């Protein structure tokens, strides 16, 4: 395990969803997108797929269109598993409501996000907070350092888990310009 891991946490909203982003998808991702229809789920999938490539490209120092991403499920071989880029970085994706978040690091990482309704009772808030922590740890694949994430919009709770002995340095990034650039590159 690495001490002092740096994690980039990328945020985007559904306002970034644009069919031009579909140019970066693999054939399997395109089929999955088509199966989702035209609603918010399709927008979250499209923005999330693009954001995964942007986060990986930023860590690798290349263009997002050069990132080869796979999602092969280790259990069944279908393309709905954890997003993986050969040679790294480690990636994790979550979305809820209008927000999409991707975490990228050189060590295993997990991120989770949940919508919390305004006026939710404290017990419900604690349950959602615990859920995002459990999900983030599950996605990271091991116990490690935990960080509560403050979403850029109110009404969300999030958590980041990093397989490292100490809390990571977290850099929050907005994806507006990188997503616009990826749309232009097609």
Protein backbone atom coordinates (compact mmCIF):
# COMPACT_ATOMS: atom_id res chain seq x y z
CA UNK A 1 0.00 0.00 0.00
CA UNK A 2 1.07 3.49 -0.73
CA UNK A 3 1.12 6.27 1.85
CA UNK A 4 -0.12 9.68 0.75
CA UNK A 5 -2.06 8.59 -2.35
CA UNK A 6 -3.42 11.35 -4.55
CA UNK A 7 -6.96 10.91 -5.83
CA UNK A 8 -8.59 13.00 -8.53
CA UNK A 9 -12.35 13.23 -8.04
CA UNK A 10 -14.12 14.41 -11.20
CA UNK A 11 -17.64 15.85 -11.05
CA UNK A 12 -20.15 16.43 -13.85
CA UNK A 13 -23.88 16.96 -14.16
CA UNK A 14 -26.42 15.68 -16.65
CA UNK A 15 -26.31 19.07 -18.35
CA UNK A 16 -23.07 17.74 -19.89
CA UNK A 17 -24.92 14.89 -21.62
CA UNK A 18 -24.60 15.33 -25.38
CA UNK A 19 -24.95 12.65 -28.05
CA UNK A 20 -21.61 13.85 -29.45
CA UNK A 21 -19.97 12.10 -26.47
CA UNK A 22 -21.12 8.77 -27.92
CA UNK A 23 -18.16 8.94 -30.30
CA UNK A 24 -15.86 7.84 -27.46
CA UNK A 25 -17.85 4.70 -26.60
CA UNK A 26 -16.88 1.14 -27.45
CA UNK A 27 -19.33 -0.99 -29.44
CA UNK A 28 -20.45 -2.72 -26.22
CA UNK A 29 -21.00 0.63 -24.50
CA UNK A 30 -22.95 1.93 -27.49
CA UNK A 31 -25.26 -1.10 -27.32
CA UNK A 32 -25.74 -0.56 -23.59
CA UNK A 33 -26.52 3.12 -24.15
CA UNK A 34 -29.11 2.26 -26.82
CA UNK A 35 -30.77 -0.16 -24.39
CA UNK A 36 -31.19 2.61 -21.81
CA UNK A 37 -33.47 4.73 -24.01
CA UNK A 38 -33.42 8.52 -23.90
CA UNK A 39 -33.89 9.23 -20.18
CA UNK A 40 -31.67 10.25 -17.29
CA UNK A 41 -30.15 6.76 -17.00
CA UNK A 42 -28.79 7.10 -20.54
CA UNK A 43 -27.43 10.55 -19.74
CA UNK A 44 -25.68 9.31 -16.61
CA UNK A 45 -24.18 6.36 -18.52
CA UNK A 46 -22.97 8.60 -21.35
CA UNK A 47 -21.47 11.26 -19.08
CA UNK A 48 -19.96 8.59 -16.81
CA UNK A 49 -18.34 6.78 -19.74
CA UNK A 50 -16.82 10.00 -21.03
CA UNK A 51 -15.74 11.09 -17.55
CA UNK A 52 -13.95 7.76 -16.96
CA UNK A 53 -11.87 8.38 -20.09
CA UNK A 54 -11.16 12.00 -19.16
CA UNK A 55 -9.98 10.99 -15.66
CA UNK A 56 -7.76 8.20 -17.01
CA UNK A 57 -6.34 10.39 -19.78
CA UNK A 58 -5.50 13.15 -17.31
CA UNK A 59 -3.57 10.69 -15.12
CA UNK A 60 -1.80 9.13 -18.12
CA UNK A 61 -1.01 12.38 -19.95
CA UNK A 62 -2.85 11.45 -23.15
CA UNK A 63 -6.08 12.34 -24.96
CA UNK A 64 -9.37 10.88 -23.72
CA UNK A 65 -9.95 9.29 -27.12
CA UNK A 66 -6.75 7.26 -26.66
CA UNK A 67 -7.97 5.57 -23.47
CA UNK A 68 -9.07 1.96 -23.93
CA UNK A 69 -11.59 1.16 -21.24
CA UNK A 70 -13.09 -2.26 -20.55
CA UNK A 71 -15.95 -3.29 -18.27
CA UNK A 72 -15.74 -7.07 -18.44
CA UNK A 73 -17.50 -8.70 -15.49
CA UNK A 74 -15.16 -11.27 -13.90
CA UNK A 75 -18.14 -13.50 -13.05
CA UNK A 76 -20.02 -13.69 -16.36
CA UNK A 77 -17.81 -12.01 -18.98
CA UNK A 78 -20.49 -9.47 -19.94
CA UNK A 79 -19.53 -5.78 -20.39
CA UNK A 80 -21.12 -4.45 -17.17
CA UNK A 81 -18.24 -4.85 -14.72
CA UNK A 82 -15.88 -2.44 -13.01
CA UNK A 83 -14.26 0.02 -15.44
CA UNK A 84 -10.62 -0.91 -16.08
CA UNK A 85 -7.84 0.71 -18.07
CA UNK A 86 -4.91 -1.63 -18.74
CA UNK A 87 -1.84 -0.21 -17.01
CA UNK A 88 -3.95 2.09 -14.80
CA UNK A 89 -5.04 4.26 -13.24
CA UNK A 90 -7.55 2.64 -10.91
CA UNK A 91 -11.02 4.07 -11.54
CA UNK A 92 -14.37 4.12 -9.79
CA UNK A 93 -17.69 5.59 -10.97
CA UNK A 94 -20.95 6.51 -9.28
CA UNK A 95 -24.00 8.57 -10.18
CA UNK A 96 -27.21 9.66 -8.54
CA UNK A 97 -29.82 12.18 -9.53
CA UNK A 98 -28.13 14.74 -11.79
CA UNK A 99 -24.56 14.13 -10.57
CA UNK A 100 -21.85 11.84 -11.92
CA UNK A 101 -18.56 11.31 -10.08
CA UNK A 102 -15.39 9.45 -11.06
CA UNK A 103 -12.37 8.82 -8.84
CA UNK A 104 -8.94 8.07 -10.34
CA UNK A 105 -5.83 7.03 -8.42
CA UNK A 106 -2.66 4.96 -8.69
CA UNK A 107 -4.01 2.70 -5.91
CA UNK A 108 -7.36 0.89 -5.70
CA UNK A 109 -10.16 3.37 -5.14
CA UNK A 110 -13.92 3.29 -4.69
CA UNK A 111 -16.44 6.11 -4.83
CA UNK A 112 -20.16 6.19 -4.14
CA UNK A 113 -22.82 8.87 -4.27
CA UNK A 114 -26.44 8.93 -3.12
CA UNK A 115 -29.21 11.50 -3.34
CA UNK A 116 -30.62 12.54 0.04
CA UNK A 117 -34.00 14.23 -0.10
CA UNK A 118 -34.30 17.65 1.50
CA UNK A 119 -35.85 17.26 4.92
CA UNK A 120 -34.89 13.60 5.26
CA UNK A 121 -34.99 12.51 8.87
CA UNK A 122 -31.62 12.07 10.62
CA UNK A 123 -32.00 8.28 10.66
CA UNK A 124 -32.41 8.20 6.89
CA UNK A 125 -29.41 10.49 6.46
CA UNK A 126 -27.26 8.20 8.65
CA UNK A 127 -28.43 5.16 6.68
CA UNK A 128 -27.48 6.83 3.37
CA UNK A 129 -24.12 7.97 4.78
CA UNK A 130 -23.38 4.39 5.92
CA UNK A 131 -24.49 3.01 2.55
CA UNK A 132 -22.08 5.21 0.56
CA UNK A 133 -19.20 4.24 2.85
CA UNK A 134 -19.99 0.52 2.47
CA UNK A 135 -20.31 0.83 -1.31
CA UNK A 136 -17.08 2.83 -1.65
CA UNK A 137 -15.17 0.20 0.38
CA UNK A 138 -16.70 -2.60 -1.69
CA UNK A 139 -15.66 -0.86 -4.93
CA UNK A 140 -12.12 -0.24 -3.63
CA UNK A 141 -11.85 -3.94 -2.86
CA UNK A 142 -10.32 -3.60 0.60
CA UNK A 143 -10.31 -1.57 3.76
CA UNK A 144 -8.26 1.57 3.65
CA UNK A 145 -8.58 5.28 4.16
CA UNK A 146 -12.08 6.76 4.02
CA UNK A 147 -13.03 10.29 3.05
CA UNK A 148 -16.49 11.88 3.13
CA UNK A 149 -17.12 13.70 -0.14
CA UNK A 150 -18.92 16.99 -0.32
CA UNK A 151 -20.84 17.02 -3.58
CA UNK A 152 -20.90 20.24 -5.62
CA UNK A 153 -24.71 20.34 -5.29
CA UNK A 154 -26.82 20.17 -2.13
CA UNK A 155 -28.85 17.05 -1.37
CA UNK A 156 -26.15 14.42 -1.92
CA UNK A 157 -23.91 12.33 0.28
CA UNK A 158 -20.76 10.66 -0.95
CA UNK A 159 -17.75 8.68 0.19
CA UNK A 160 -14.34 7.79 -1.16
CA UNK A 161 -12.37 4.70 -0.12
CA UNK A 162 -8.69 4.36 -0.97
CA UNK A 163 -6.55 1.30 -0.33
CA UNK A 164 -3.81 3.22 1.46
CA UNK A 165 -2.75 3.42 5.12
CA UNK A 166 -3.38 7.15 5.41
CA UNK A 167 -6.00 9.57 4.15
CA UNK A 168 -5.30 10.57 0.55
CA UNK A 169 -4.84 13.99 -0.94
CA UNK A 170 -8.08 14.61 -2.82
CA UNK A 171 -8.24 17.00 -5.75
CA UNK A 172 -11.78 17.88 -6.84
CA UNK A 173 -12.08 18.55 -10.55
CA UNK A 174 -14.92 19.92 -12.68
CA UNK A 175 -15.32 18.24 -16.04
CA UNK A 176 -17.03 21.01 -18.02
CA UNK A 177 -14.10 21.95 -20.27
CA UNK A 178 -12.71 18.41 -20.73
CA UNK A 179 -16.21 17.16 -21.67
CA UNK A 180 -16.63 20.01 -24.16
CA UNK A 181 -13.24 19.17 -25.68
CA UNK A 182 -14.18 15.48 -25.95
CA UNK A 183 -17.47 16.42 -27.68
CA UNK A 184 -15.51 18.45 -30.25
CA UNK A 185 -12.99 15.65 -30.81
CA UNK A 186 -15.88 13.20 -31.33
